[in-house]
C-alpha atoms as a PDB file:
ATOM      1  CA  GLN A   1       0.000   0.000   0.000  1.00  0.00           C
ATOM      2  CA  VAL A   2       1.391   3.345  -1.074  1.00  0.00           C
ATOM      3  CA  GLN A   3       1.672   5.845   1.756  1.00  0.00           C
ATOM      4  CA  PHE A   4       3.154   9.320   2.104  1.00  0.00           C
ATOM      5  CA  VAL A   5       3.563  11.014   5.488  1.00  0.00           C
ATOM      6  CA  GLU A   6       4.465  14.701   5.395  1.00  0.00           C
ATOM      7  CA  SER A   7       5.778  16.695   8.347  1.00  0.00           C
ATOM      8  CA  GLY A   8       7.650  19.850   9.260  1.00  0.00           C
ATOM      9  CA  GLY A   9       5.105  22.537   8.522  1.00  0.00           C
ATOM     10  CA  GLY A  10       4.153  25.342  10.851  1.00  0.00           C
ATOM     11  CA  LEU A  11       3.623  29.048  11.315  1.00  0.00           C
ATOM     12  CA  VAL A  12       6.540  31.228  10.268  1.00  0.00           C
ATOM     13  CA  GLN A  13       7.050  34.930   9.715  1.00  0.00           C
ATOM     14  CA  PRO A  14       7.776  36.321   6.252  1.00  0.00           C
ATOM     15  CA  GLY A  15      11.436  35.791   5.460  1.00  0.00           C
ATOM     16  CA  GLY A  16      11.606  32.724   7.652  1.00  0.00           C
ATOM     17  CA  SER A  17      12.577  29.149   6.847  1.00  0.00           C
ATOM     18  CA  LEU A  18      11.145  25.671   7.185  1.00  0.00           C
ATOM     19  CA  ARG A  19      12.239  22.186   6.224  1.00  0.00           C
ATOM     20  CA  LEU A  20       9.567  19.723   5.195  1.00  0.00           C
ATOM     21  CA  SER A  21      10.001  15.954   5.193  1.00  0.00           C
ATOM     22  CA  CYS A  22       8.014  13.224   3.499  1.00  0.00           C
ATOM     23  CA  ALA A  23       8.396   9.557   4.329  1.00  0.00           C
ATOM     24  CA  ALA A  24       7.278   7.197   1.589  1.00  0.00           C
ATOM     25  CA  SER A  25       6.369   3.539   1.843  1.00  0.00           C
ATOM     26  CA  GLY A  26       4.908   0.898  -0.429  1.00  0.00           C
ATOM     27  CA  ILE A  27       6.901   2.009  -3.488  1.00  0.00           C
ATOM     28  CA  LEU A  28      10.338   1.337  -4.917  1.00  0.00           C
ATOM     29  CA  PHE A  29      11.311   4.814  -3.789  1.00  0.00           C
ATOM     30  CA  SER A  30      14.721   5.037  -5.457  1.00  0.00           C
ATOM     31  CA  ALA A  31      13.210   4.392  -8.887  1.00  0.00           C
ATOM     32  CA  TYR A  32      10.700   7.226  -8.767  1.00  0.00           C
ATOM     33  CA  THR A  33      10.863  10.892  -9.583  1.00  0.00           C
ATOM     34  CA  MET A  34       9.439  12.499  -6.458  1.00  0.00           C
ATOM     35  CA  ALA A  35       7.843  15.880  -6.035  1.00  0.00           C
ATOM     36  CA  TRP A  36       6.374  18.358  -3.620  1.00  0.00           C
ATOM     37  CA  TYR A  37       3.003  19.894  -4.393  1.00  0.00           C
ATOM     38  CA  ARG A  38       0.981  22.517  -2.573  1.00  0.00           C
ATOM     39  CA  GLN A  39      -2.625  23.614  -2.414  1.00  0.00           C
ATOM     40  CA  ALA A  40      -3.648  27.011  -1.151  1.00  0.00           C
ATOM     41  CA  PRO A  41      -7.227  27.728  -0.032  1.00  0.00           C
ATOM     42  CA  GLY A  42      -9.528  28.055  -3.015  1.00  0.00           C
ATOM     43  CA  LYS A  43      -6.810  27.080  -5.483  1.00  0.00           C
ATOM     44  CA  GLN A  44      -5.848  23.944  -7.365  1.00  0.00           C
ATOM     45  CA  ARG A  45      -2.954  21.796  -6.261  1.00  0.00           C
ATOM     46  CA  GLU A  46       0.259  22.840  -7.994  1.00  0.00           C
ATOM     47  CA  LEU A  47       3.669  21.309  -8.518  1.00  0.00           C
ATOM     48  CA  VAL A  48       6.352  23.071  -6.486  1.00  0.00           C
ATOM     49  CA  ALA A  49       9.527  21.043  -7.012  1.00  0.00           C
ATOM     50  CA  ARG A  50      10.575  17.744  -8.503  1.00  0.00           C
ATOM     51  CA  ILE A  51      13.644  15.520  -8.160  1.00  0.00           C
ATOM     52  CA  SER A  52      14.445  12.624 -10.449  1.00  0.00           C
ATOM     53  CA  SER A  53      15.801   9.274  -9.383  1.00  0.00           C
ATOM     54  CA  GLY A  54      19.198  10.549 -10.502  1.00  0.00           C
ATOM     55  CA  GLY A  55      18.950  13.745  -8.504  1.00  0.00           C
ATOM     56  CA  ASN A  56      18.057  16.216 -11.241  1.00  0.00           C
ATOM     57  CA  THR A  57      15.761  18.935  -9.939  1.00  0.00           C
ATOM     58  CA  ASN A  58      13.341  21.477 -11.294  1.00  0.00           C
ATOM     59  CA  TYR A  59      11.184  24.092  -9.634  1.00  0.00           C
ATOM     60  CA  ALA A  60       8.135  26.218 -10.191  1.00  0.00           C
ATOM     61  CA  ASP A  61       9.155  29.738 -11.153  1.00  0.00           C
ATOM     62  CA  SER A  62       7.558  31.107  -8.002  1.00  0.00           C
ATOM     63  CA  VAL A  63       9.971  29.211  -5.730  1.00  0.00           C
ATOM     64  CA  LYS A  64      13.203  29.149  -7.728  1.00  0.00           C
ATOM     65  CA  GLY A  65      16.144  30.296  -5.661  1.00  0.00           C
ATOM     66  CA  ARG A  66      14.216  29.914  -2.403  1.00  0.00           C
ATOM     67  CA  PHE A  67      13.256  26.227  -2.214  1.00  0.00           C
ATOM     68  CA  THR A  68      15.535  23.196  -2.479  1.00  0.00           C
ATOM     69  CA  ILE A  69      14.305  19.637  -2.942  1.00  0.00           C
ATOM     70  CA  SER A  70      16.469  16.686  -1.949  1.00  0.00           C
ATOM     71  CA  ARG A  71      16.072  12.998  -1.252  1.00  0.00           C
ATOM     72  CA  ASP A  72      17.518  10.203   0.858  1.00  0.00           C
ATOM     73  CA  ASN A  73      16.895   6.948  -0.956  1.00  0.00           C
ATOM     74  CA  ALA A  74      18.133   4.813   1.926  1.00  0.00           C
ATOM     75  CA  LYS A  75      15.572   6.374   4.266  1.00  0.00           C
ATOM     76  CA  LYS A  76      12.900   6.782   1.580  1.00  0.00           C
ATOM     77  CA  ILE A  77      12.475  10.436   2.488  1.00  0.00           C
ATOM     78  CA  VAL A  78      12.151  13.496   0.294  1.00  0.00           C
ATOM     79  CA  TYR A  79      12.849  16.942   1.757  1.00  0.00           C
ATOM     80  CA  LEU A  80      11.910  20.488   0.879  1.00  0.00           C
ATOM     81  CA  GLN A  81      14.081  23.223   2.341  1.00  0.00           C
ATOM     82  CA  MET A  82      12.287  26.560   2.135  1.00  0.00           C
ATOM     83  CA  ILE A  83      13.897  29.932   2.818  1.00  0.00           C
ATOM     84  CA  SER A  84      12.777  33.534   2.354  1.00  0.00           C
ATOM     85  CA  LEU A  85       9.202  32.435   2.801  1.00  0.00           C
ATOM     86  CA  LYS A  86       6.427  34.720   1.592  1.00  0.00           C
ATOM     87  CA  PRO A  87       2.750  34.941   2.575  1.00  0.00           C
ATOM     88  CA  GLU A  88       1.858  33.522  -0.843  1.00  0.00           C
ATOM     89  CA  ASP A  89       3.692  30.311   0.090  1.00  0.00           C
ATOM     90  CA  THR A  90       0.910  29.600   2.581  1.00  0.00           C
ATOM     91  CA  ALA A  91      -0.628  26.243   1.637  1.00  0.00           C
ATOM     92  CA  VAL A  92      -0.886  22.597   2.531  1.00  0.00           C
ATOM     93  CA  TYR A  93       2.184  20.836   1.154  1.00  0.00           C
ATOM     94  CA  TYR A  94       2.091  17.260  -0.131  1.00  0.00           C
ATOM     95  CA  CYS A  95       4.575  14.858  -1.645  1.00  0.00           C
ATOM     96  CA  ASN A  96       3.894  12.235  -4.289  1.00  0.00           C
ATOM     97  CA  ALA A  97       5.448  10.800  -7.413  1.00  0.00           C
ATOM     98  CA  GLY A  98       6.636  13.541  -9.705  1.00  0.00           C
ATOM     99  CA  THR A  99       5.385  12.353 -13.078  1.00  0.00           C
ATOM    100  CA  SER A 100       2.247  10.282 -12.584  1.00  0.00           C
ATOM    101  CA  PRO A 101       1.145  10.897  -9.001  1.00  0.00           C
ATOM    102  CA  PHE A 102      -0.388   8.000  -7.126  1.00  0.00           C
ATOM    103  CA  THR A 103      -4.074   8.327  -6.311  1.00  0.00           C
ATOM    104  CA  SER A 104      -3.202   7.916  -2.645  1.00  0.00           C
ATOM    105  CA  TRP A 105      -2.156  11.262  -1.125  1.00  0.00           C
ATOM    106  CA  GLY A 106      -0.958  11.920   2.397  1.00  0.00           C
ATOM    107  CA  GLN A 107      -2.570  14.300   4.840  1.00  0.00           C
ATOM    108  CA  GLY A 108      -0.133  17.029   3.917  1.00  0.00           C
ATOM    109  CA  THR A 109       1.566  19.519   6.206  1.00  0.00           C
ATOM    110  CA  GLN A 110       0.285  23.048   6.690  1.00  0.00           C
ATOM    111  CA  VAL A 111       2.664  25.933   6.045  1.00  0.00           C
ATOM    112  CA  THR A 112       1.443  29.347   7.126  1.00  0.00           C
ATOM    113  CA  VAL A 113       3.538  32.439   6.462  1.00  0.00           C
ATOM    114  CA  SER A 114       2.220  35.394   8.387  1.00  0.00           C
ATOM    115  CA  SER A 115       3.383  38.171  10.654  1.00  0.00           C
END
């Protein structure tokens, strides 16, 4: 059974930093491109960052230079380091496969950027 468990969110002031983690199970983790997505209130879920099995990364324009995605294949964890956070980064953040997401999504982790 595919399962993703996200953690690390919270309330942070503009300009602050957070590091999100996502533990995956039920998949051959090292073989998959993995990604972080986010969904803000009233908006559709969007792709934030993606990392291939070989470690190549790409980012949404809105987060380039501020977010860094990484992975630990031994631990089956994908990370999202976020710096210089802005109020518009406020959303629930999810991880999933980066090309064809599984239908099973985790509960996500809430990130709120506010003063």
